[in-house]
C-alpha atoms as a PDB file:
ATOM      1  CA  MET A   1      -1.706 132.127 149.761  1.00  0.00           C
ATOM      2  CA  THR A   2       1.289 130.793 151.241  1.00  0.00           C
ATOM      3  CA  ASN A   3       0.907 127.121 149.631  1.00  0.00           C
ATOM      4  CA  THR A   4       0.379 128.882 146.233  1.00  0.00           C
ATOM      5  CA  LYS A   5       3.468 130.849 146.572  1.00  0.00           C
ATOM      6  CA  LYS A   6       5.525 127.868 146.942  1.00  0.00           C
ATOM      7  CA  ASP A   7       3.883 126.185 144.465  1.00  0.00           C
ATOM      8  CA  ASP A   8       4.924 128.903 142.090  1.00  0.00           C
ATOM      9  CA  ASP A   9       8.710 128.311 143.975  1.00  0.00           C
ATOM     10  CA  LYS A  10       8.447 124.845 142.841  1.00  0.00           C
ATOM     11  CA  GLN A  11       7.679 125.261 139.822  1.00  0.00           C
ATOM     12  CA  THR A  12      10.165 127.667 138.492  1.00  0.00           C
ATOM     13  CA  VAL A  13      12.697 125.272 140.048  1.00  0.00           C
ATOM     14  CA  VAL A  14      11.912 122.805 138.367  1.00  0.00           C
ATOM     15  CA  ASN A  15      11.220 125.396 134.886  1.00  0.00           C
ATOM     16  CA  ASN A  16      15.258 125.954 135.596  1.00  0.00           C
ATOM     17  CA  GLU A  17      16.499 122.720 135.663  1.00  0.00           C
ATOM     18  CA  GLU A  18      14.469 121.496 132.318  1.00  0.00           C
ATOM     19  CA  ASN A  19      15.883 125.053 131.175  1.00  0.00           C
ATOM     20  CA  ASP A  20      19.704 123.796 131.877  1.00  0.00           C
ATOM     21  CA  GLU A  21      19.243 120.466 130.496  1.00  0.00           C
ATOM     22  CA  THR A  22      17.765 121.862 127.546  1.00  0.00           C
ATOM     23  CA  ASN A  23      21.586 123.959 127.578  1.00  0.00           C
ATOM     24  CA  VAL A  24      23.530 121.566 128.042  1.00  0.00           C
ATOM     25  CA  ILE A  25      21.753 119.120 125.409  1.00  0.00           C
ATOM     26  CA  ARG A  26      22.618 121.819 123.074  1.00  0.00           C
ATOM     27  CA  ASP A  27      25.864 122.455 124.378  1.00  0.00           C
ATOM     28  CA  GLU A  28      26.889 119.114 123.483  1.00  0.00           C
ATOM     29  CA  GLU A  29      24.920 119.116 119.647  1.00  0.00           C
ATOM     30  CA  ILE A  30      27.419 122.699 118.690  1.00  0.00           C
ATOM     31  CA  ASP A  31      30.028 120.420 120.086  1.00  0.00           C
ATOM     32  CA  ASP A  32      29.182 117.467 117.795  1.00  0.00           C
ATOM     33  CA  ASN A  33      29.252 119.696 114.915  1.00  0.00           C
ATOM     34  CA  PHE A  34      31.949 121.584 115.329  1.00  0.00           C
ATOM     35  CA  LEU A  35      34.031 118.272 115.860  1.00  0.00           C
ATOM     36  CA  GLN A  36      31.941 116.794 112.605  1.00  0.00           C
ATOM     37  CA  ASP A  37      32.701 120.443 111.003  1.00  0.00           C
ATOM     38  CA  GLU A  38      36.508 119.572 112.145  1.00  0.00           C
ATOM     39  CA  LEU A  39      37.005 116.058 110.489  1.00  0.00           C
ATOM     40  CA  ASN A  40      35.760 117.400 107.048  1.00  0.00           C
ATOM     41  CA  GLU A  41      37.621 119.997 106.935  1.00  0.00           C
ATOM     42  CA  LEU A  42      40.716 117.760 107.810  1.00  0.00           C
ATOM     43  CA  GLN A  43      39.093 115.165 105.019  1.00  0.00           C
ATOM     44  CA  LYS A  44      38.857 117.714 102.656  1.00  0.00           C
ATOM     45  CA  ALA A  45      42.617 119.036 103.441  1.00  0.00           C
ATOM     46  CA  GLU A  46      43.985 115.327 102.886  1.00  0.00           C
ATOM     47  CA  ASN A  47      42.250 114.600  99.990  1.00  0.00           C
ATOM     48  CA  GLU A  48      43.633 117.971  98.617  1.00  0.00           C
ATOM     49  CA  ALA A  49      47.310 117.146  99.738  1.00  0.00           C
ATOM     50  CA  LYS A  50      46.897 113.963  97.512  1.00  0.00           C
ATOM     51  CA  ASN A  51      45.711 114.908  94.359  1.00  0.00           C
ATOM     52  CA  GLU A  52      48.649 118.007  94.965  1.00  0.00           C
ATOM     53  CA  TRP A  53      50.558 114.693  95.328  1.00  0.00           C
ATOM     54  CA  LYS A  54      49.487 112.761  92.571  1.00  0.00           C
ATOM     55  CA  ALA A  55      50.099 116.025  90.140  1.00  0.00           C
ATOM     56  CA  ASP A  56      53.491 116.297  91.155  1.00  0.00           C
ATOM     57  CA  PHE A  57      54.510 112.897  90.765  1.00  0.00           C
ATOM     58  CA  MET A  58      52.257 111.444  88.854  1.00  0.00           C
ATOM     59  CA  PRO A  59      54.706 111.631  85.473  1.00  0.00           C
ATOM     60  CA  LEU A  60      57.796 110.656  87.554  1.00  0.00           C
ATOM     61  CA  LEU A  61      55.394 107.762  88.488  1.00  0.00           C
ATOM     62  CA  ASN A  62      54.597 107.204  85.037  1.00  0.00           C
ATOM     63  CA  LYS A  63      58.127 107.693  83.561  1.00  0.00           C
ATOM     64  CA  ILE A  64      59.490 105.329  86.136  1.00  0.00           C
ATOM     65  CA  LYS A  65      56.815 102.188  85.006  1.00  0.00           C
ATOM     66  CA  GLU A  66      57.900 103.505  81.292  1.00  0.00           C
ATOM     67  CA  LEU A  67      61.991 102.523  82.340  1.00  0.00           C
ATOM     68  CA  GLU A  68      60.873  99.653  84.636  1.00  0.00           C
ATOM     69  CA  GLU A  69      58.660  98.059  81.281  1.00  0.00           C
ATOM     70  CA  GLN A  70      62.230  99.124  78.880  1.00  0.00           C
ATOM     71  CA  LEU A  71      64.599  97.632  81.546  1.00  0.00           C
ATOM     72  CA  GLN A  72      62.639  94.661  81.085  1.00  0.00           C
ATOM     73  CA  GLU A  73      62.562  94.646  77.694  1.00  0.00           C
ATOM     74  CA  LYS A  74      66.333  94.639  77.276  1.00  0.00           C
ATOM     75  CA  ASP A  75      66.310  92.108  79.979  1.00  0.00           C
ATOM     76  CA  GLU A  76      64.464  89.735  77.535  1.00  0.00           C
ATOM     77  CA  ILE A  77      66.212  91.064  74.250  1.00  0.00           C
ATOM     78  CA  ALA A  78      69.813  89.734  76.653  1.00  0.00           C
ATOM     79  CA  LYS A  79      68.157  86.528  77.741  1.00  0.00           C
ATOM     80  CA  ASN A  80      67.106  85.557  74.135  1.00  0.00           C
ATOM     81  CA  SER A  81      70.179  86.915  72.593  1.00  0.00           C
ATOM     82  CA  GLN A  82      72.275  84.655  75.003  1.00  0.00           C
ATOM     83  CA  ILE A  83      70.209  81.694  73.990  1.00  0.00           C
ATOM     84  CA  ASN A  84      70.741  82.290  70.410  1.00  0.00           C
ATOM     85  CA  TYR A  85      74.538  82.237  71.216  1.00  0.00           C
ATOM     86  CA  LEU A  86      74.748  79.150  73.246  1.00  0.00           C
ATOM     87  CA  HIS A  87      72.961  77.988  70.227  1.00  0.00           C
ATOM     88  CA  LEU A  88      75.392  78.981  67.779  1.00  0.00           C
ATOM     89  CA  LYS A  89      78.056  78.136  69.730  1.00  0.00           C
ATOM     90  CA  ALA A  90      76.715  74.232  69.924  1.00  0.00           C
ATOM     91  CA  ASP A  91      76.230  74.456  66.604  1.00  0.00           C
ATOM     92  CA  PHE A  92      79.879  75.901  65.798  1.00  0.00           C
ATOM     93  CA  ASP A  93      81.127  73.380  68.398  1.00  0.00           C
ATOM     94  CA  ILE A  94      79.704  70.515  66.369  1.00  0.00           C
ATOM     95  CA  LEU A  95      81.031  71.751  62.906  1.00  0.00           C
ATOM     96  CA  GLN A  96      84.075  72.138  64.137  1.00  0.00           C
ATOM     97  CA  ARG A  97      84.304  68.704  65.316  1.00  0.00           C
ATOM     98  CA  GLN A  98      82.796  67.268  62.647  1.00  0.00           C
ATOM     99  CA  THR A  99      85.125  69.025  60.136  1.00  0.00           C
ATOM    100  CA  GLN A 100      88.565  67.803  62.230  1.00  0.00           C
ATOM    101  CA  GLN A 101      86.894  64.098  61.697  1.00  0.00           C
ATOM    102  CA  LYS A 102      86.773  64.734  58.083  1.00  0.00           C
ATOM    103  CA  ILE A 103      90.152  65.995  58.429  1.00  0.00           C
ATOM    104  CA  GLU A 104      91.888  62.982  60.536  1.00  0.00           C
ATOM    105  CA  ASN A 105      89.697  60.453  57.722  1.00  0.00           C
ATOM    106  CA  VAL A 106      91.367  62.352  54.445  1.00  0.00           C
ATOM    107  CA  GLU A 107      95.054  61.895  56.503  1.00  0.00           C
ATOM    108  CA  ARG A 108      94.045  58.416  57.629  1.00  0.00           C
ATOM    109  CA  ASP A 109      92.666  57.060  54.144  1.00  0.00           C
ATOM    110  CA  SER A 110      95.906  59.089  52.720  1.00  0.00           C
ATOM    111  CA  THR A 111      97.911  57.526  54.657  1.00  0.00           C
ATOM    112  CA  ILE A 112      96.918  54.273  54.252  1.00  0.00           C
ATOM    113  CA  LYS A 113      96.584  54.115  50.521  1.00  0.00           C
ATOM    114  CA  VAL A 114     100.474  55.256  50.425  1.00  0.00           C
ATOM    115  CA  VAL A 115     101.428  52.436  52.459  1.00  0.00           C
ATOM    116  CA  LYS A 116      99.502  50.074  50.563  1.00  0.00           C
ATOM    117  CA  ASP A 117     101.282  50.835  47.694  1.00  0.00           C
ATOM    118  CA  PHE A 118     104.844  50.234  49.669  1.00  0.00           C
ATOM    119  CA  LEU A 119     103.967  46.973  51.353  1.00  0.00           C
ATOM    120  CA  PRO A 120     105.100  44.834  48.821  1.00  0.00           C
ATOM    121  CA  PHE A 121     108.381  46.368  48.847  1.00  0.00           C
ATOM    122  CA  ILE A 122     108.342  45.292  52.226  1.00  0.00           C
ATOM    123  CA  GLU A 123     107.266  41.971  51.935  1.00  0.00           C
ATOM    124  CA  ASN A 124     110.002  41.604  49.443  1.00  0.00           C
ATOM    125  CA  LEU A 125     112.368  42.480  52.134  1.00  0.00           C
ATOM    126  CA  ARG A 126     111.013  39.963  55.092  1.00  0.00           C
ATOM    127  CA  LYS A 127     110.958  37.310  52.150  1.00  0.00           C
ATOM    128  CA  SER A 128     114.275  37.905  51.316  1.00  0.00           C
ATOM    129  CA  LEU A 129     115.090  37.791  54.827  1.00  0.00           C
ATOM    130  CA  LEU A 130     113.425  34.909  55.421  1.00  0.00           C
ATOM    131  CA  ASN A 131     114.957  33.086  52.904  1.00  0.00           C
ATOM    132  CA  LEU A 132     118.919  33.915  53.981  1.00  0.00           C
ATOM    133  CA  THR A 133     121.264  30.967  55.090  1.00  0.00           C
ATOM    134  CA  ASP A 134     122.733  31.586  58.820  1.00  0.00           C
ATOM    135  CA  GLU A 135     125.809  32.593  56.821  1.00  0.00           C
ATOM    136  CA  GLN A 136     124.381  35.398  54.810  1.00  0.00           C
ATOM    137  CA  LYS A 137     122.674  36.550  57.710  1.00  0.00           C
ATOM    138  CA  GLU A 138     125.538  37.414  58.877  1.00  0.00           C
ATOM    139  CA  SER A 139     127.258  39.182  55.875  1.00  0.00           C
ATOM    140  CA  TRP A 140     126.980  42.956  55.354  1.00  0.00           C
ATOM    141  CA  LEU A 141     124.188  42.121  52.904  1.00  0.00           C
ATOM    142  CA  GLY A 142     122.226  39.969  55.779  1.00  0.00           C
ATOM    143  CA  ALA A 143     123.156  42.751  58.311  1.00  0.00           C
ATOM    144  CA  TRP A 144     121.669  45.777  55.421  1.00  0.00           C
ATOM    145  CA  LEU A 145     118.554  43.795  54.529  1.00  0.00           C
ATOM    146  CA  GLN A 146     117.905  43.430  58.353  1.00  0.00           C
ATOM    147  CA  MET A 147     118.337  47.392  59.069  1.00  0.00           C
ATOM    148  CA  MET A 148     116.434  47.989  55.980  1.00  0.00           C
ATOM    149  CA  TYR A 149     113.257  46.017  56.646  1.00  0.00           C
ATOM    150  CA  ASP A 150     113.468  47.556  60.872  1.00  0.00           C
ATOM    151  CA  GLY A 151     113.940  50.804  59.740  1.00  0.00           C
ATOM    152  CA  PHE A 152     110.628  50.344  57.305  1.00  0.00           C
ATOM    153  CA  ILE A 153     108.794  49.027  60.532  1.00  0.00           C
ATOM    154  CA  LYS A 154     109.796  51.568  62.739  1.00  0.00           C
ATOM    155  CA  SER A 155     108.693  54.003  59.969  1.00  0.00           C
ATOM    156  CA  LEU A 156     105.223  52.349  59.848  1.00  0.00           C
ATOM    157  CA  GLU A 157     104.557  52.304  63.418  1.00  0.00           C
ATOM    158  CA  LYS A 158     105.210  56.043  63.451  1.00  0.00           C
ATOM    159  CA  LEU A 159     102.321  56.298  61.221  1.00  0.00           C
ATOM    160  CA  HIS A 160      99.866  53.997  63.756  1.00  0.00           C
ATOM    161  CA  ILE A 161     100.549  51.275  61.542  1.00  0.00           C
ATOM    162  CA  LYS A 162     101.832  47.957  63.050  1.00  0.00           C
ATOM    163  CA  PRO A 163     102.009  44.550  62.014  1.00  0.00           C
ATOM    164  CA  ILE A 164      99.240  41.395  62.651  1.00  0.00           C
ATOM    165  CA  GLU A 165     100.654  39.241  64.912  1.00  0.00           C
ATOM    166  CA  ALA A 166      99.744  35.745  63.609  1.00  0.00           C
ATOM    167  CA  ILE A 167     102.286  32.818  64.128  1.00  0.00           C
ATOM    168  CA  GLY A 168     100.823  30.207  67.339  1.00  0.00           C
ATOM    169  CA  LEU A 169      97.446  32.213  66.965  1.00  0.00           C
ATOM    170  CA  GLU A 170      93.717  31.097  66.183  1.00  0.00           C
ATOM    171  CA  PRO A 171      92.796  32.609  62.550  1.00  0.00           C
ATOM    172  CA  ASN A 172      90.703  35.579  63.153  1.00  0.00           C
ATOM    173  CA  PRO A 173      88.514  36.649  60.237  1.00  0.00           C
ATOM    174  CA  GLN A 174      89.404  40.000  60.878  1.00  0.00           C
ATOM    175  CA  PHE A 175      92.891  40.239  60.719  1.00  0.00           C
ATOM    176  CA  HIS A 176      93.915  36.571  59.072  1.00  0.00           C
ATOM    177  CA  GLU A 177      93.259  35.142  55.609  1.00  0.00           C
ATOM    178  CA  PRO A 178      93.709  31.500  55.776  1.00  0.00           C
ATOM    179  CA  VAL A 179      95.094  30.052  51.970  1.00  0.00           C
ATOM    180  CA  SER A 180      96.154  26.859  52.756  1.00  0.00           C
ATOM    181  CA  MET A 181      96.274  24.433  55.235  1.00  0.00           C
ATOM    182  CA  GLN A 182      99.404  22.004  56.379  1.00  0.00           C
ATOM    183  CA  THR A 183      99.319  19.337  58.933  1.00  0.00           C
ATOM    184  CA  VAL A 184     102.270  19.492  61.744  1.00  0.00           C
ATOM    185  CA  GLU A 185     103.484  17.407  64.702  1.00  0.00           C
ATOM    186  CA  ASP A 186     103.401  19.673  67.401  1.00  0.00           C
ATOM    187  CA  GLU A 187      99.951  19.601  69.521  1.00  0.00           C
ATOM    188  CA  TRP A 188      99.903  23.073  70.766  1.00  0.00           C
ATOM    189  CA  LEU A 189     100.155  24.771  67.035  1.00  0.00           C
ATOM    190  CA  LYS A 190      96.903  22.650  66.548  1.00  0.00           C
ATOM    191  CA  TRP A 191      93.872  24.866  64.854  1.00  0.00           C
ATOM    192  CA  LYS A 192      96.259  27.570  65.173  1.00  0.00           C
ATOM    193  CA  ILE A 193      98.520  29.243  62.658  1.00  0.00           C
ATOM    194  CA  ILE A 194     101.857  27.911  61.640  1.00  0.00           C
ATOM    195  CA  GLN A 195     103.090  29.857  59.164  1.00  0.00           C
ATOM    196  CA  GLU A 196     102.582  33.518  57.685  1.00  0.00           C
ATOM    197  CA  PHE A 197     102.711  33.497  53.696  1.00  0.00           C
ATOM    198  CA  GLN A 198     102.040  37.066  53.516  1.00  0.00           C
ATOM    199  CA  GLN A 199     102.332  39.742  56.212  1.00  0.00           C
ATOM    200  CA  GLY A 200      99.828  41.823  57.294  1.00  0.00           C
ATOM    201  CA  PHE A 201      99.135  45.248  59.046  1.00  0.00           C
ATOM    202  CA  VAL A 202      96.655  47.471  60.683  1.00  0.00           C
ATOM    203  CA  TYR A 203      96.019  50.757  61.249  1.00  0.00           C
ATOM    204  CA  GLU A 204      95.324  51.585  64.911  1.00  0.00           C
ATOM    205  CA  VAL A 205      94.351  55.222  66.775  1.00  0.00           C
ATOM    206  CA  ASN A 206      92.403  55.052  69.728  1.00  0.00           C
ATOM    207  CA  ASP A 207      89.561  52.867  69.029  1.00  0.00           C
ATOM    208  CA  ASP A 208      89.775  53.328  65.395  1.00  0.00           C
ATOM    209  CA  LEU A 209      91.018  49.824  63.718  1.00  0.00           C
ATOM    210  CA  ILE A 210      91.264  49.600  60.207  1.00  0.00           C
ATOM    211  CA  VAL A 211      92.896  46.495  58.548  1.00  0.00           C
ATOM    212  CA  VAL A 212      95.559  47.751  55.826  1.00  0.00           C
ATOM    213  CA  SER A 213      96.671  44.212  54.671  1.00  0.00           C
ATOM    214  CA  PRO A 214      95.045  41.270  56.195  1.00  0.00           C
ATOM    215  CA  SER A 215      97.658  38.378  57.336  1.00  0.00           C
ATOM    216  CA  ARG A 216      97.756  35.732  54.608  1.00  0.00           C
ATOM    217  CA  VAL A 217      98.311  33.012  56.895  1.00  0.00           C
ATOM    218  CA  ILE A 218      98.654  28.703  56.867  1.00  0.00           C
ATOM    219  CA  VAL A 219      96.594  27.225  59.554  1.00  0.00           C
ATOM    220  CA  TRP A 220      97.084  23.668  61.073  1.00  0.00           C
ATOM    221  CA  ASN A 221      94.912  20.516  59.143  1.00  0.00           C
END
């Protein structure tokens, strides 16, 4: 009898321990379910907040995107306008230089044409001075002729036209036109110009060099 009671007591203790463990497991499961529910509620609240944020700010974001696209489009237009302006300016500068060059060429050609018509008169003055005797050169007539000739030469220089150098130089086909050959005793004049039959003139401005009238010369033979 005593042993049976002891066994019953042991069994009761074991049952109580099993019940306690079962209760602990159930409590843990309840806690896990509670935490999961709380987590789901938080996730739901976060999603609702995001949806509300999108609903409130999406029109504003769309407007910002639209303005950015418009700004980019205007930037492209401004860039293209600037490129077109630079091209037009370059074309205008080229046209302006060409027009200025044409004007200068017309002025130059007109000047040369007038001077060509006037050169025979200057050449006559030069030959008259060469034919004067020393006594005639000292007279008022000789001085007047020399003054006129020097004045014409200075006027031509103001128009960028100057006499071509000849005496003592070797003939240059660009500037000199031999008309005769003559023998002289001076060895230093060998193959050189010994006399100027007609004075030549050249127009010179920067790199622009034009022979108005070649110098007609006599060369050593």
